[in-house]
N, C-alpha and C. Protein backbone atom coordinates (compact mmCIF):
# COMPACT_ATOMS: atom_id res chain seq x y z
N MET A 1 40.60 -5.59 58.81
CA MET A 1 39.53 -6.57 58.72
C MET A 1 39.88 -7.74 59.65
N ASN A 2 38.97 -8.08 60.52
CA ASN A 2 39.23 -9.13 61.50
C ASN A 2 38.86 -10.51 61.00
N ASP A 3 37.89 -10.60 60.10
CA ASP A 3 37.41 -11.91 59.66
C ASP A 3 37.34 -11.97 58.13
N PRO A 4 38.44 -12.30 57.47
CA PRO A 4 38.44 -12.30 56.00
C PRO A 4 37.49 -13.33 55.38
N ILE A 5 37.34 -14.49 56.01
CA ILE A 5 36.42 -15.50 55.46
C ILE A 5 34.98 -15.02 55.60
N GLY A 6 34.64 -14.45 56.75
CA GLY A 6 33.31 -13.90 56.96
C GLY A 6 33.00 -12.79 55.96
N ASP A 7 34.00 -11.97 55.66
CA ASP A 7 33.84 -10.90 54.68
C ASP A 7 33.54 -11.47 53.29
N MET A 8 34.27 -12.51 52.90
CA MET A 8 34.05 -13.13 51.59
C MET A 8 32.66 -13.75 51.51
N LEU A 9 32.23 -14.43 52.55
CA LEU A 9 30.91 -15.06 52.56
C LEU A 9 29.81 -14.00 52.48
N THR A 10 30.00 -12.88 53.16
CA THR A 10 29.02 -11.79 53.10
C THR A 10 28.97 -11.18 51.71
N ARG A 11 30.11 -11.03 51.06
CA ARG A 11 30.13 -10.51 49.69
C ARG A 11 29.38 -11.44 48.74
N ILE A 12 29.54 -12.74 48.93
CA ILE A 12 28.82 -13.70 48.08
C ILE A 12 27.32 -13.61 48.33
N ARG A 13 26.91 -13.58 49.60
CA ARG A 13 25.48 -13.46 49.93
C ARG A 13 24.88 -12.19 49.34
N ASN A 14 25.57 -11.06 49.50
CA ASN A 14 25.06 -9.79 49.00
C ASN A 14 24.97 -9.78 47.48
N ALA A 15 25.95 -10.34 46.80
CA ALA A 15 25.93 -10.38 45.34
C ALA A 15 24.79 -11.26 44.83
N GLN A 16 24.53 -12.36 45.53
CA GLN A 16 23.43 -13.24 45.10
C GLN A 16 22.08 -12.58 45.32
N MET A 17 21.93 -11.78 46.38
CA MET A 17 20.67 -11.08 46.59
C MET A 17 20.40 -10.07 45.47
N ARG A 18 21.48 -9.52 44.88
CA ARG A 18 21.34 -8.57 43.79
C ARG A 18 21.43 -9.24 42.42
N HIS A 19 21.49 -10.58 42.39
CA HIS A 19 21.56 -11.39 41.17
C HIS A 19 22.75 -10.99 40.28
N LYS A 20 23.89 -10.74 40.92
CA LYS A 20 25.12 -10.45 40.18
C LYS A 20 25.72 -11.75 39.66
N SER A 21 26.39 -11.68 38.52
CA SER A 21 27.01 -12.88 37.97
C SER A 21 28.39 -13.13 38.56
N THR A 22 29.08 -12.06 38.96
CA THR A 22 30.40 -12.20 39.57
C THR A 22 30.52 -11.26 40.77
N VAL A 23 31.47 -11.57 41.63
CA VAL A 23 31.78 -10.72 42.78
C VAL A 23 33.29 -10.76 42.98
N ILE A 24 33.86 -9.64 43.40
CA ILE A 24 35.31 -9.54 43.60
C ILE A 24 35.59 -9.42 45.09
N THR A 25 36.58 -10.19 45.55
CA THR A 25 37.00 -10.17 46.95
C THR A 25 38.53 -10.15 46.99
N PRO A 26 39.14 -9.55 48.02
CA PRO A 26 40.61 -9.58 48.12
C PRO A 26 41.13 -11.02 48.16
N ALA A 27 42.30 -11.22 47.61
CA ALA A 27 42.86 -12.57 47.49
C ALA A 27 43.64 -12.97 48.74
N SER A 28 43.54 -14.25 49.08
CA SER A 28 44.39 -14.87 50.08
C SER A 28 44.37 -16.38 49.81
N LYS A 29 45.33 -17.08 50.37
CA LYS A 29 45.38 -18.53 50.16
C LYS A 29 44.18 -19.23 50.77
N LEU A 30 43.80 -18.84 51.99
CA LEU A 30 42.68 -19.49 52.66
C LEU A 30 41.38 -19.26 51.90
N ARG A 31 41.16 -18.04 51.42
CA ARG A 31 39.96 -17.77 50.62
C ARG A 31 39.95 -18.63 49.36
N GLY A 32 41.09 -18.78 48.73
CA GLY A 32 41.19 -19.62 47.54
C GLY A 32 40.87 -21.07 47.84
N TRP A 33 41.34 -21.56 48.97
CA TRP A 33 41.06 -22.96 49.34
C TRP A 33 39.58 -23.17 49.62
N VAL A 34 38.94 -22.20 50.28
CA VAL A 34 37.50 -22.30 50.54
C VAL A 34 36.73 -22.27 49.22
N LEU A 35 37.15 -21.40 48.31
CA LEU A 35 36.50 -21.33 47.00
C LEU A 35 36.71 -22.60 46.19
N ASP A 36 37.86 -23.25 46.36
CA ASP A 36 38.08 -24.55 45.70
C ASP A 36 37.04 -25.57 46.13
N VAL A 37 36.75 -25.61 47.44
CA VAL A 37 35.75 -26.55 47.95
C VAL A 37 34.36 -26.19 47.41
N LEU A 38 34.03 -24.90 47.40
CA LEU A 38 32.73 -24.48 46.88
C LEU A 38 32.59 -24.84 45.41
N ALA A 39 33.66 -24.70 44.64
CA ALA A 39 33.62 -25.05 43.21
C ALA A 39 33.51 -26.56 43.03
N ASP A 40 34.26 -27.33 43.83
CA ASP A 40 34.21 -28.80 43.72
C ASP A 40 32.83 -29.34 44.05
N GLU A 41 32.16 -28.69 45.01
CA GLU A 41 30.82 -29.14 45.42
C GLU A 41 29.72 -28.58 44.52
N GLY A 42 30.06 -27.70 43.57
CA GLY A 42 29.10 -27.20 42.60
C GLY A 42 28.29 -26.00 43.06
N TYR A 43 28.74 -25.29 44.08
CA TYR A 43 28.00 -24.12 44.57
C TYR A 43 28.36 -22.84 43.81
N ILE A 44 29.55 -22.78 43.21
CA ILE A 44 29.94 -21.65 42.37
C ILE A 44 30.50 -22.20 41.07
N ARG A 45 30.49 -21.37 40.03
CA ARG A 45 31.05 -21.80 38.74
C ARG A 45 32.57 -21.93 38.82
N GLY A 46 33.19 -21.03 39.54
CA GLY A 46 34.64 -21.03 39.67
C GLY A 46 35.12 -19.65 40.08
N TYR A 47 36.43 -19.45 40.03
CA TYR A 47 37.00 -18.16 40.37
C TYR A 47 38.33 -18.03 39.64
N GLU A 48 38.78 -16.79 39.50
CA GLU A 48 40.08 -16.55 38.88
C GLU A 48 40.76 -15.39 39.58
N SER A 49 42.07 -15.40 39.52
CA SER A 49 42.85 -14.33 40.15
C SER A 49 42.88 -13.12 39.23
N THR A 50 42.65 -11.95 39.80
CA THR A 50 42.69 -10.69 39.06
C THR A 50 43.38 -9.66 39.93
N THR A 51 43.37 -8.43 39.43
CA THR A 51 43.88 -7.31 40.21
C THR A 51 42.71 -6.39 40.51
N GLY A 52 42.56 -6.01 41.77
CA GLY A 52 41.46 -5.15 42.18
C GLY A 52 41.67 -3.72 41.73
N LYS A 53 40.69 -2.87 42.02
CA LYS A 53 40.76 -1.45 41.64
C LYS A 53 41.92 -0.74 42.31
N ASP A 54 42.30 -1.20 43.50
CA ASP A 54 43.38 -0.57 44.23
C ASP A 54 44.76 -1.13 43.86
N GLY A 55 44.82 -2.07 42.93
CA GLY A 55 46.08 -2.65 42.50
C GLY A 55 46.51 -3.87 43.28
N HIS A 56 45.75 -4.27 44.30
CA HIS A 56 46.07 -5.44 45.10
C HIS A 56 45.48 -6.69 44.44
N PRO A 57 46.05 -7.86 44.71
CA PRO A 57 45.50 -9.10 44.17
C PRO A 57 44.07 -9.32 44.65
N ALA A 58 43.23 -9.84 43.76
CA ALA A 58 41.83 -10.09 44.10
C ALA A 58 41.38 -11.38 43.45
N LEU A 59 40.25 -11.89 43.90
CA LEU A 59 39.64 -13.09 43.33
C LEU A 59 38.28 -12.71 42.77
N GLU A 60 38.04 -13.04 41.51
CA GLU A 60 36.74 -12.79 40.89
C GLU A 60 35.96 -14.10 40.89
N ILE A 61 34.87 -14.14 41.66
CA ILE A 61 34.09 -15.35 41.86
C ILE A 61 32.90 -15.34 40.92
N SER A 62 32.74 -16.40 40.13
CA SER A 62 31.58 -16.54 39.24
C SER A 62 30.49 -17.31 39.97
N LEU A 63 29.38 -16.65 40.23
CA LEU A 63 28.29 -17.25 40.98
C LEU A 63 27.43 -18.14 40.08
N ARG A 64 26.73 -19.05 40.70
CA ARG A 64 25.93 -20.01 39.95
C ARG A 64 24.45 -19.87 40.32
N TYR A 65 23.60 -19.92 39.30
CA TYR A 65 22.15 -19.81 39.49
C TYR A 65 21.48 -20.98 38.79
N TYR A 66 20.32 -21.38 39.30
CA TYR A 66 19.53 -22.44 38.67
C TYR A 66 18.10 -21.93 38.55
N GLU A 67 17.64 -21.80 37.34
CA GLU A 67 16.30 -21.29 37.02
C GLU A 67 16.06 -19.94 37.70
N GLY A 68 17.06 -19.08 37.67
CA GLY A 68 16.93 -17.74 38.21
C GLY A 68 17.16 -17.61 39.70
N ALA A 69 17.27 -18.71 40.42
CA ALA A 69 17.49 -18.67 41.87
C ALA A 69 18.95 -19.05 42.17
N PRO A 70 19.55 -18.43 43.17
CA PRO A 70 20.93 -18.79 43.54
C PRO A 70 21.02 -20.24 43.99
N VAL A 71 22.11 -20.90 43.63
CA VAL A 71 22.33 -22.29 44.05
C VAL A 71 22.59 -22.33 45.56
N ILE A 72 23.29 -21.32 46.08
CA ILE A 72 23.55 -21.25 47.52
C ILE A 72 22.34 -20.62 48.18
N ARG A 73 21.64 -21.39 48.98
CA ARG A 73 20.47 -20.87 49.69
C ARG A 73 20.86 -20.30 51.04
N GLU A 74 21.82 -20.92 51.69
CA GLU A 74 22.26 -20.47 53.01
C GLU A 74 23.76 -20.63 53.12
N LEU A 75 24.43 -19.59 53.56
CA LEU A 75 25.88 -19.57 53.71
C LEU A 75 26.17 -18.98 55.08
N LYS A 76 26.63 -19.82 56.02
CA LYS A 76 26.74 -19.39 57.41
C LYS A 76 28.15 -19.65 57.93
N ARG A 77 28.72 -18.64 58.59
CA ARG A 77 30.03 -18.76 59.22
C ARG A 77 29.84 -19.46 60.56
N VAL A 78 30.64 -20.50 60.83
CA VAL A 78 30.52 -21.26 62.08
C VAL A 78 31.61 -20.83 63.06
N SER A 79 32.86 -21.00 62.68
CA SER A 79 33.98 -20.64 63.54
C SER A 79 34.34 -19.19 63.28
N LYS A 80 34.28 -18.37 64.32
CA LYS A 80 34.53 -16.94 64.18
C LYS A 80 35.79 -16.57 64.96
N PRO A 81 36.37 -15.40 64.70
CA PRO A 81 37.58 -15.02 65.45
C PRO A 81 37.36 -14.97 66.96
N GLY A 82 36.16 -14.62 67.40
CA GLY A 82 35.89 -14.56 68.84
C GLY A 82 35.58 -15.90 69.45
N ARG A 83 35.17 -16.85 68.64
CA ARG A 83 34.83 -18.19 69.15
C ARG A 83 35.16 -19.22 68.08
N ARG A 84 36.28 -19.86 68.22
CA ARG A 84 36.70 -20.90 67.28
C ARG A 84 35.96 -22.20 67.60
N VAL A 85 35.57 -22.93 66.55
CA VAL A 85 34.84 -24.18 66.72
C VAL A 85 35.65 -25.30 66.09
N TYR A 86 36.17 -26.20 66.93
CA TYR A 86 36.93 -27.35 66.48
C TYR A 86 36.12 -28.61 66.76
N MET A 87 36.15 -29.56 65.82
CA MET A 87 35.40 -30.80 66.01
C MET A 87 36.24 -31.98 65.56
N SER A 88 36.04 -33.09 66.26
CA SER A 88 36.70 -34.32 65.84
C SER A 88 35.93 -34.91 64.66
N VAL A 89 36.50 -35.90 64.04
CA VAL A 89 35.88 -36.48 62.85
C VAL A 89 34.51 -37.08 63.16
N SER A 90 34.33 -37.60 64.36
CA SER A 90 33.04 -38.20 64.71
C SER A 90 31.96 -37.15 64.99
N ASP A 91 32.37 -35.91 65.29
CA ASP A 91 31.41 -34.86 65.61
C ASP A 91 31.13 -33.90 64.45
N LEU A 92 31.76 -34.10 63.30
CA LEU A 92 31.57 -33.17 62.18
C LEU A 92 30.10 -33.11 61.76
N PRO A 93 29.56 -31.90 61.61
CA PRO A 93 28.14 -31.78 61.26
C PRO A 93 27.89 -32.09 59.79
N ALA A 94 26.69 -32.63 59.52
CA ALA A 94 26.22 -32.84 58.15
C ALA A 94 25.01 -31.92 57.97
N PRO A 95 25.21 -30.72 57.45
CA PRO A 95 24.12 -29.75 57.37
C PRO A 95 22.95 -30.27 56.52
N ARG A 96 21.74 -30.00 56.99
CA ARG A 96 20.52 -30.37 56.28
C ARG A 96 20.48 -31.87 55.96
N GLN A 97 20.82 -32.68 56.94
CA GLN A 97 20.82 -34.14 56.83
C GLN A 97 21.62 -34.62 55.61
N GLY A 98 22.76 -33.98 55.35
CA GLY A 98 23.63 -34.40 54.28
C GLY A 98 23.42 -33.70 52.96
N LEU A 99 22.41 -32.83 52.85
CA LEU A 99 22.20 -32.10 51.60
C LEU A 99 23.13 -30.89 51.48
N GLY A 100 23.65 -30.40 52.59
CA GLY A 100 24.57 -29.28 52.59
C GLY A 100 25.99 -29.75 52.81
N VAL A 101 26.89 -28.78 52.92
CA VAL A 101 28.31 -29.09 53.09
C VAL A 101 28.88 -28.22 54.20
N SER A 102 29.69 -28.81 55.05
CA SER A 102 30.49 -28.05 56.01
C SER A 102 31.90 -27.98 55.46
N ILE A 103 32.49 -26.82 55.49
CA ILE A 103 33.88 -26.65 55.03
C ILE A 103 34.76 -26.65 56.27
N VAL A 104 35.75 -27.55 56.29
CA VAL A 104 36.57 -27.81 57.47
C VAL A 104 38.04 -27.56 57.13
N SER A 105 38.72 -26.84 58.00
CA SER A 105 40.17 -26.65 57.88
C SER A 105 40.85 -27.71 58.72
N THR A 106 41.52 -28.64 58.06
CA THR A 106 42.15 -29.77 58.75
C THR A 106 43.67 -29.68 58.61
N PRO A 107 44.41 -30.53 59.32
CA PRO A 107 45.85 -30.57 59.12
C PRO A 107 46.24 -30.99 57.70
N ARG A 108 45.33 -31.61 56.98
CA ARG A 108 45.59 -32.04 55.59
C ARG A 108 45.05 -31.05 54.57
N GLY A 109 44.59 -29.89 55.02
CA GLY A 109 44.10 -28.86 54.12
C GLY A 109 42.63 -28.58 54.33
N VAL A 110 42.12 -27.62 53.57
CA VAL A 110 40.70 -27.26 53.65
C VAL A 110 39.92 -28.23 52.78
N MET A 111 38.86 -28.83 53.36
CA MET A 111 38.07 -29.81 52.62
C MET A 111 36.64 -29.84 53.12
N SER A 112 35.79 -30.54 52.39
CA SER A 112 34.40 -30.68 52.81
C SER A 112 34.31 -31.69 53.95
N ASP A 113 33.16 -31.70 54.63
CA ASP A 113 32.98 -32.62 55.75
C ASP A 113 33.04 -34.08 55.29
N ALA A 114 32.53 -34.38 54.10
CA ALA A 114 32.56 -35.75 53.60
C ALA A 114 34.00 -36.20 53.34
N ASN A 115 34.80 -35.31 52.76
CA ASN A 115 36.21 -35.66 52.51
C ASN A 115 36.99 -35.78 53.81
N ALA A 116 36.64 -34.96 54.81
CA ALA A 116 37.31 -35.04 56.10
C ALA A 116 36.98 -36.37 56.79
N ARG A 117 35.72 -36.81 56.68
CA ARG A 117 35.36 -38.12 57.25
C ARG A 117 36.11 -39.24 56.54
N ALA A 118 36.21 -39.14 55.20
CA ALA A 118 36.92 -40.18 54.44
C ALA A 118 38.40 -40.21 54.81
N ALA A 119 38.99 -39.04 55.08
CA ALA A 119 40.40 -38.97 55.46
C ALA A 119 40.60 -39.20 56.96
N ASN A 120 39.48 -39.31 57.72
CA ASN A 120 39.50 -39.56 59.15
C ASN A 120 40.26 -38.47 59.91
N VAL A 121 39.95 -37.18 59.56
CA VAL A 121 40.56 -36.05 60.25
C VAL A 121 39.47 -35.05 60.64
N GLY A 122 39.68 -34.40 61.76
CA GLY A 122 38.80 -33.32 62.21
C GLY A 122 39.52 -32.01 62.06
N GLY A 123 38.90 -30.96 62.54
CA GLY A 123 39.55 -29.65 62.46
C GLY A 123 38.59 -28.53 62.77
N GLU A 124 38.90 -27.34 62.29
CA GLU A 124 38.09 -26.16 62.53
C GLU A 124 36.99 -26.07 61.47
N VAL A 125 35.74 -26.00 61.88
CA VAL A 125 34.62 -25.89 60.96
C VAL A 125 34.48 -24.42 60.59
N LEU A 126 34.85 -24.08 59.34
CA LEU A 126 34.85 -22.69 58.90
C LEU A 126 33.45 -22.18 58.62
N CYS A 127 32.67 -22.94 57.82
CA CYS A 127 31.33 -22.48 57.46
C CYS A 127 30.49 -23.67 56.98
N THR A 128 29.20 -23.42 56.87
CA THR A 128 28.28 -24.41 56.30
C THR A 128 27.59 -23.79 55.11
N VAL A 129 27.29 -24.62 54.11
CA VAL A 129 26.65 -24.18 52.88
C VAL A 129 25.49 -25.11 52.58
N PHE A 130 24.37 -24.50 52.18
CA PHE A 130 23.21 -25.28 51.77
C PHE A 130 22.57 -24.60 50.59
C-alpha cells in the first residue's frame, strides 16, 4: 500500500455511504494521530485499538451521524505520495471559509489548521474535512 492515510480516508467515506456504524483500518501511529484530530473536532465518535481478522493490529473507528446523515460531508486527501503539499502558517487553508478543518502534520505533531496557526507552525497538509 503506497498511501495509508488515503486508504483510511477512503474506508471512512465508503463506510459512511453504506451507513455503517464502525469501520476497521490497519493501525499505525500516523493514522491514530489523524483520528485524534478528527475526534477532537467532532467528526467521529472515537476509535479504539483492536486486532484485525489477520491478527495484525487494527483501529476500529466509530463513525458519527446527525439525523441520519454522516457528519463528514467531504473528506479529501491533499498531500499525496506523488505530490507532497507543504504550506507555511500564513498559507494554511481554511476549508469552507472556516467551517471545515485541514489536518496538518507539523514539527510539533499532527494538528488542525486552527491549532497550527495558534502554535505558529506550518507543515504538510494531509487532508481537509468538511
